[in-house]
Amino acid sequence: MRELLREQPAAPLDGTFRIGLEFFLEYPEFAYAGRIAGHGGETYLFRCHVLTAPDHKLGVVVMTNSAGARSKDAVVNLMKAAIAVKTGLTPADGAAVKAPPPPGAPAAAPGGYYGTVAGLARVLPADRPELEVRGWRLRLTPGEDGWQTPEVLLGGVVPMPLTLLGKDISVAFRTVNGEDVVFVRDGPKVSAVGKRCAPSPIPASWLRFVGGYELVSGQNLQLKLEDFRVFVEDGFLMVELAAEGESGRFVLEPVADNEAVLYGLGRRMMETMRAAGTPGEERLHFAGLEFRKLQAAEFLPDL
């Protein structure tokens, strides 16, 4: 039981993320209350979350039968209330938690492309660098501790701070273990979300897999797939998946004629996608699922 809650060794790319044996230990909102450990889980049918406060011998579990339920918000609020009732401690008793400086050394030249959890990002070097990602254009302003504050450029011209959108977010470009990495600070949390990449010729063995896909029938029918496609953007092979409750667009880096990895850092990054099938019968295997390529005629509307 002690090992479950003991922090495992951390590395620079972990940022502020801390974990025991499957119990997450990173809950800065409870810095005033001592140790907190928890874990959550979900499918497209339910959400659940558990939190423990071992120093106070408290535990809270929330289980729901809805994919849209906010179980984490509920479990956090219930734990704060339980701690207050049992100990009298409230968030007001603790000092504000501040994010640490980004790990590593400042990147010599942060300009270029990055594979990230948000998709392909591009940094345009200038006196005030700009960041382009998923159709957004942001201007970066130097801040404290090596962080840069992004401002949304409305219409590509008028800057608007993200704080007006309720977001306290900063970014930093650092060199860690010889790789250029982009970190994000979200309030007191620091995460590595991507790393530099460069366009290279896409193998012909993978170009034939460009197109839209559908989930092969009889598999995981709980997954309400809305879109799954492979495409080319700015010289990079990309994959996009949209389903009820989850979506993402990632750089796909071929590592063999029939294998590619989701390039970047963070959730699902560096997982493998496998290609199979003859021309006209292309299949992709990813996350335990099989997808079939839609042929051109299948995109035509019914007449």
Protein backbone atom coordinates (compact mmCIF):
# COMPACT_ATOMS: atom_id res chain seq x y z
CA MET A 1 0.00 0.00 0.00
CA ARG A 2 2.88 2.37 0.76
CA GLU A 3 4.43 1.69 -2.66
CA LEU A 4 1.17 2.53 -4.43
CA LEU A 5 1.39 6.08 -3.08
CA ARG A 6 5.17 6.54 -3.25
CA GLU A 7 6.31 8.97 -5.94
CA GLN A 8 8.21 7.24 -8.71
CA PRO A 9 11.43 8.77 -10.10
CA ALA A 10 10.75 11.88 -12.19
CA ALA A 11 12.55 13.04 -15.34
CA PRO A 12 12.85 16.56 -16.88
CA LEU A 13 10.18 15.84 -19.51
CA ASP A 14 7.69 15.03 -16.73
CA GLY A 15 7.32 18.72 -15.84
CA THR A 16 5.30 18.85 -12.62
CA PHE A 17 3.61 15.50 -13.33
CA ARG A 18 4.05 13.03 -10.46
CA ILE A 19 2.74 9.50 -10.15
CA GLY A 20 2.94 6.53 -7.82
CA LEU A 21 1.96 3.04 -8.96
CA GLU A 22 -1.06 4.08 -11.07
CA PHE A 23 -2.08 6.72 -8.53
CA PHE A 24 -1.64 10.30 -9.72
CA LEU A 25 -0.02 12.54 -7.09
CA GLU A 26 -0.30 15.87 -8.91
CA TYR A 27 -3.18 17.84 -7.36
CA PRO A 28 -1.90 21.40 -6.75
CA GLU A 29 -5.36 22.55 -5.68
CA PHE A 30 -4.82 20.47 -2.49
CA ALA A 31 -1.37 21.83 -1.59
CA TYR A 32 -2.87 23.14 1.66
CA ALA A 33 -4.04 19.69 2.78
CA GLY A 34 -1.05 17.36 2.51
CA ARG A 35 -0.83 14.25 0.36
CA ILE A 36 -3.53 13.56 -2.22
CA ALA A 37 -3.62 10.58 -4.57
CA GLY A 38 -6.21 9.73 -7.17
CA HIS A 39 -7.14 8.22 -10.50
CA GLY A 40 -9.95 8.54 -13.00
CA GLY A 41 -11.31 6.52 -15.89
CA GLU A 42 -13.89 6.71 -18.61
CA THR A 43 -15.32 5.11 -21.71
CA TYR A 44 -18.04 6.42 -24.00
CA LEU A 45 -20.63 5.18 -21.48
CA PHE A 46 -19.39 6.31 -18.05
CA ARG A 47 -16.93 8.42 -16.07
CA CYS A 48 -15.55 7.83 -12.59
CA HIS A 49 -12.91 9.23 -10.25
CA VAL A 50 -11.37 8.39 -6.90
CA LEU A 51 -9.40 10.65 -4.54
CA THR A 52 -7.68 9.72 -1.28
CA ALA A 53 -6.19 11.93 1.43
CA PRO A 54 -4.07 9.36 3.32
CA ASP A 55 -2.82 11.88 5.92
CA HIS A 56 -6.46 12.45 6.97
CA LYS A 57 -7.78 8.93 6.29
CA LEU A 58 -10.33 10.21 3.81
CA GLY A 59 -11.48 8.89 0.45
CA VAL A 60 -14.07 9.98 -2.09
CA VAL A 61 -15.37 7.98 -5.06
CA VAL A 62 -17.71 9.29 -7.76
CA MET A 63 -19.13 6.92 -10.39
CA THR A 64 -21.50 8.03 -13.15
CA ASN A 65 -23.32 6.35 -16.02
CA SER A 66 -22.82 9.28 -18.40
CA ALA A 67 -19.89 10.15 -20.65
CA GLY A 68 -20.76 13.82 -20.20
CA ALA A 69 -20.63 13.81 -16.40
CA ARG A 70 -18.05 16.01 -14.66
CA SER A 71 -16.89 13.38 -12.20
CA LYS A 72 -13.50 14.99 -11.53
CA ASP A 73 -15.05 18.34 -10.59
CA ALA A 74 -17.47 16.53 -8.29
CA VAL A 75 -14.81 14.42 -6.57
CA VAL A 76 -12.54 17.45 -6.03
CA ASN A 77 -15.34 19.54 -4.50
CA LEU A 78 -16.45 16.65 -2.28
CA MET A 79 -12.89 16.06 -1.04
CA LYS A 80 -12.43 19.75 -0.23
CA ALA A 81 -15.67 19.64 1.76
CA ALA A 82 -14.68 16.41 3.55
CA ILE A 83 -11.27 17.85 4.52
CA ALA A 84 -12.91 21.04 5.77
CA VAL A 85 -15.42 19.10 7.90
CA LYS A 86 -12.82 16.74 9.40
CA THR A 87 -9.84 19.08 9.85
CA GLY A 88 -11.09 22.65 9.42
CA LEU A 89 -8.56 23.19 6.60
CA THR A 90 -9.71 25.13 3.55
CA PRO A 91 -7.93 26.32 0.37
CA ALA A 92 -7.60 29.76 1.98
CA ASP A 93 -5.18 28.23 4.52
CA GLY A 94 -2.54 27.55 1.85
CA ALA A 95 -0.29 29.81 -0.20
CA ALA A 96 -0.87 30.06 -3.94
CA VAL A 97 1.02 27.35 -5.82
CA LYS A 98 3.36 28.76 -8.46
CA ALA A 99 4.60 26.87 -11.49
CA PRO A 100 8.37 26.24 -11.59
CA PRO A 101 10.60 27.47 -14.44
CA PRO A 102 10.60 25.20 -17.50
CA PRO A 103 13.18 22.37 -17.39
CA GLY A 104 16.28 22.23 -19.59
CA ALA A 105 18.12 25.05 -21.34
CA PRO A 106 16.58 27.71 -23.60
CA ALA A 107 16.34 26.48 -27.20
CA ALA A 108 18.93 28.24 -29.37
CA ALA A 109 16.47 28.84 -32.24
CA PRO A 110 12.87 27.87 -31.41
CA GLY A 111 11.58 28.66 -34.92
CA GLY A 112 10.28 25.72 -36.96
CA TYR A 113 7.74 22.91 -36.75
CA TYR A 114 6.72 20.93 -33.66
CA GLY A 115 4.67 17.75 -33.34
CA THR A 116 2.33 18.37 -30.39
CA VAL A 117 -0.75 16.97 -28.69
CA ALA A 118 -2.70 19.74 -30.46
CA GLY A 119 -1.37 18.84 -33.89
CA LEU A 120 1.31 20.33 -36.11
CA ALA A 121 2.54 23.64 -34.66
CA ARG A 122 4.78 26.19 -36.36
CA VAL A 123 6.87 28.88 -34.67
CA LEU A 124 7.69 31.92 -36.79
CA PRO A 125 10.90 33.52 -35.48
CA ALA A 126 10.89 37.30 -35.03
CA ASP A 127 11.50 39.93 -32.35
CA ARG A 128 8.14 38.75 -31.01
CA PRO A 129 7.74 35.15 -32.21
CA GLU A 130 4.36 33.88 -33.38
CA LEU A 131 2.87 30.42 -32.96
CA GLU A 132 0.47 28.84 -35.45
CA VAL A 133 -1.53 25.74 -34.46
CA ARG A 134 -4.92 24.34 -35.56
CA GLY A 135 -5.86 27.56 -37.36
CA TRP A 136 -4.95 29.76 -34.39
CA ARG A 137 -2.24 32.41 -34.58
CA LEU A 138 -0.68 33.59 -31.33
CA ARG A 139 1.95 36.21 -30.56
CA LEU A 140 4.46 35.25 -27.84
CA THR A 141 5.59 37.82 -25.29
CA PRO A 142 8.54 37.11 -22.94
CA GLY A 143 7.51 36.65 -19.31
CA GLU A 144 9.12 35.57 -16.06
CA ASP A 145 11.22 32.44 -15.46
CA GLY A 146 11.69 31.79 -19.18
CA TRP A 147 7.96 31.49 -19.95
CA GLN A 148 6.33 33.26 -22.89
CA THR A 149 2.76 34.50 -22.76
CA PRO A 150 0.64 33.86 -25.87
CA GLU A 151 -1.88 36.37 -27.18
CA VAL A 152 -4.46 35.41 -29.81
CA LEU A 153 -4.13 37.54 -32.93
CA LEU A 154 -7.70 38.24 -33.98
CA GLY A 155 -7.82 38.42 -37.74
CA GLY A 156 -4.07 37.83 -37.64
CA VAL A 157 -3.57 41.40 -36.40
CA VAL A 158 -5.29 42.41 -33.12
CA PRO A 159 -3.74 40.76 -30.01
CA MET A 160 -6.02 39.47 -27.23
CA PRO A 161 -4.61 37.99 -23.98
CA LEU A 162 -5.75 34.45 -23.21
CA THR A 163 -6.63 35.63 -19.70
CA LEU A 164 -9.70 37.28 -21.26
CA LEU A 165 -10.77 33.76 -22.26
CA GLY A 166 -10.23 32.49 -18.72
CA LYS A 167 -6.92 30.79 -19.56
CA ASP A 168 -3.68 31.23 -17.57
CA ILE A 169 -1.31 29.59 -20.07
CA SER A 170 2.34 30.16 -21.01
CA VAL A 171 4.76 28.30 -23.30
CA ALA A 172 8.51 27.73 -23.34
CA PHE A 173 10.91 26.25 -25.88
CA ARG A 174 13.71 24.31 -24.23
CA THR A 175 16.45 21.84 -25.13
CA VAL A 176 16.26 18.63 -23.07
CA ASN A 177 18.49 15.61 -23.72
CA GLY A 178 19.51 17.12 -27.06
CA GLU A 179 15.94 17.61 -28.33
CA ASP A 180 14.00 20.87 -28.71
CA VAL A 181 10.83 20.55 -26.63
CA VAL A 182 7.82 22.80 -26.13
CA PHE A 183 6.43 23.01 -22.59
CA VAL A 184 3.09 24.47 -21.52
CA ARG A 185 2.34 26.02 -18.14
CA ASP A 186 -1.35 25.82 -17.24
CA GLY A 187 -1.72 27.54 -13.88
CA PRO A 188 0.66 25.68 -11.54
CA LYS A 189 1.04 22.66 -13.84
CA VAL A 190 3.90 22.21 -16.34
CA SER A 191 3.72 19.64 -19.15
CA ALA A 192 5.86 18.72 -22.15
CA VAL A 193 3.45 18.74 -25.09
CA GLY A 194 5.62 18.41 -28.21
CA LYS A 195 9.03 18.35 -29.84
CA ARG A 196 10.67 19.71 -32.96
CA CYS A 197 10.18 17.91 -36.25
CA ALA A 198 11.18 18.57 -39.84
CA PRO A 199 9.37 17.64 -43.05
CA SER A 200 10.90 14.78 -45.04
CA PRO A 201 9.81 12.82 -48.12
CA ILE A 202 6.77 10.68 -47.33
CA PRO A 203 7.30 7.06 -48.43
CA ALA A 204 5.09 5.92 -51.30
CA SER A 205 4.12 2.96 -49.13
CA TRP A 206 2.29 5.41 -46.86
CA LEU A 207 0.97 7.89 -49.42
CA ARG A 208 -1.50 5.28 -50.67
CA PHE A 209 -3.09 5.27 -47.21
CA VAL A 210 -4.08 8.94 -47.48
CA GLY A 211 -7.87 9.26 -47.31
CA GLY A 212 -10.89 8.77 -45.07
CA TYR A 213 -11.59 5.64 -43.00
CA GLU A 214 -14.45 3.92 -41.24
CA LEU A 215 -14.39 1.57 -38.29
CA VAL A 216 -14.64 -2.06 -39.40
CA SER A 217 -18.06 -3.35 -38.33
CA GLY A 218 -18.37 -5.59 -35.31
CA GLN A 219 -15.69 -3.77 -33.30
CA ASN A 220 -16.20 -1.66 -30.20
CA LEU A 221 -19.61 -0.41 -31.28
CA GLN A 222 -19.63 1.92 -28.29
CA LEU A 223 -17.16 4.15 -30.17
CA LYS A 224 -19.22 6.77 -32.00
CA LEU A 225 -16.70 7.59 -34.71
CA GLU A 226 -17.31 10.88 -36.50
CA ASP A 227 -14.13 11.19 -38.59
CA PHE A 228 -10.89 9.30 -39.14
CA ARG A 229 -8.57 10.35 -41.93
CA VAL A 230 -4.94 10.44 -43.05
CA PHE A 231 -3.79 13.51 -44.98
CA VAL A 232 -0.74 15.65 -45.83
CA GLU A 233 -0.16 19.11 -44.32
CA ASP A 234 2.92 21.29 -44.91
CA GLY A 235 4.88 18.24 -46.05
CA PHE A 236 3.94 16.13 -43.01
CA LEU A 237 1.84 12.99 -42.93
CA MET A 238 -1.01 13.62 -40.49
CA VAL A 239 -3.83 11.63 -38.90
CA GLU A 240 -7.06 13.01 -37.43
CA LEU A 241 -9.59 11.18 -35.31
CA ALA A 242 -12.85 12.58 -34.04
CA ALA A 243 -15.26 10.59 -31.89
CA GLU A 244 -17.79 11.36 -29.23
CA GLY A 245 -15.84 12.62 -26.22
CA GLU A 246 -12.39 12.64 -27.83
CA SER A 247 -10.63 14.06 -30.87
CA GLY A 248 -7.09 14.76 -31.99
CA ARG A 249 -4.87 15.65 -34.93
CA PHE A 250 -1.30 14.34 -34.90
CA VAL A 251 1.89 14.20 -36.94
CA LEU A 252 2.35 10.65 -38.23
CA GLU A 253 6.02 9.69 -38.66
CA PRO A 254 6.63 6.58 -40.81
CA VAL A 255 9.27 4.30 -39.26
CA ALA A 256 8.73 1.34 -41.64
CA ASP A 257 6.72 0.53 -44.77
CA ASN A 258 3.82 -0.60 -42.60
CA GLU A 259 4.36 1.24 -39.30
CA ALA A 260 4.24 4.87 -38.18
CA VAL A 261 4.20 6.61 -34.80
CA LEU A 262 2.22 9.59 -33.54
CA TYR A 263 5.11 12.03 -33.21
CA GLY A 264 5.32 14.26 -30.17
CA LEU A 265 5.05 14.18 -26.40
CA GLY A 266 2.05 13.67 -24.14
CA ARG A 267 -1.06 11.50 -24.13
CA ARG A 268 -1.09 8.96 -27.01
CA MET A 269 2.14 10.34 -28.44
CA MET A 270 4.65 7.81 -29.87
CA GLU A 271 1.97 5.11 -30.09
CA THR A 272 2.23 2.95 -33.20
CA MET A 273 -0.19 2.77 -36.13
CA ARG A 274 0.11 -0.24 -38.45
CA ALA A 275 -0.90 -0.29 -42.13
CA ALA A 276 -2.02 -3.38 -44.04
CA GLY A 277 -3.98 -4.46 -47.10
CA THR A 278 -3.58 -4.42 -50.87
CA PRO A 279 -4.35 -1.35 -53.04
CA GLY A 280 -8.09 -0.72 -52.82
CA GLU A 281 -8.33 -2.67 -49.56
CA GLU A 282 -6.22 -0.49 -47.26
CA ARG A 283 -6.61 -1.05 -43.51
CA LEU A 284 -5.16 0.78 -40.51
CA HIS A 285 -4.75 -0.74 -37.04
CA PHE A 286 -4.56 1.65 -34.08
CA ALA A 287 -5.41 1.47 -30.36
CA GLY A 288 -6.76 -2.08 -30.75
CA LEU A 289 -9.16 -1.05 -33.53
CA GLU A 290 -9.22 -1.74 -37.28
CA PHE A 291 -10.22 0.89 -39.83
CA ARG A 292 -11.10 0.40 -43.51
CA LYS A 293 -10.25 3.04 -46.14
CA LEU A 294 -13.25 4.58 -47.86
CA GLN A 295 -12.87 4.56 -51.63
CA ALA A 296 -13.64 7.63 -53.76
CA ALA A 297 -17.08 6.38 -54.79
CA GLU A 298 -18.12 6.03 -51.15
CA PHE A 299 -17.77 9.79 -50.64
CA LEU A 300 -20.34 10.59 -53.36
CA PRO A 301 -23.80 11.60 -52.11
CA ASP A 302 -26.83 9.49 -52.94
CA LEU A 303 -28.52 10.73 -56.12
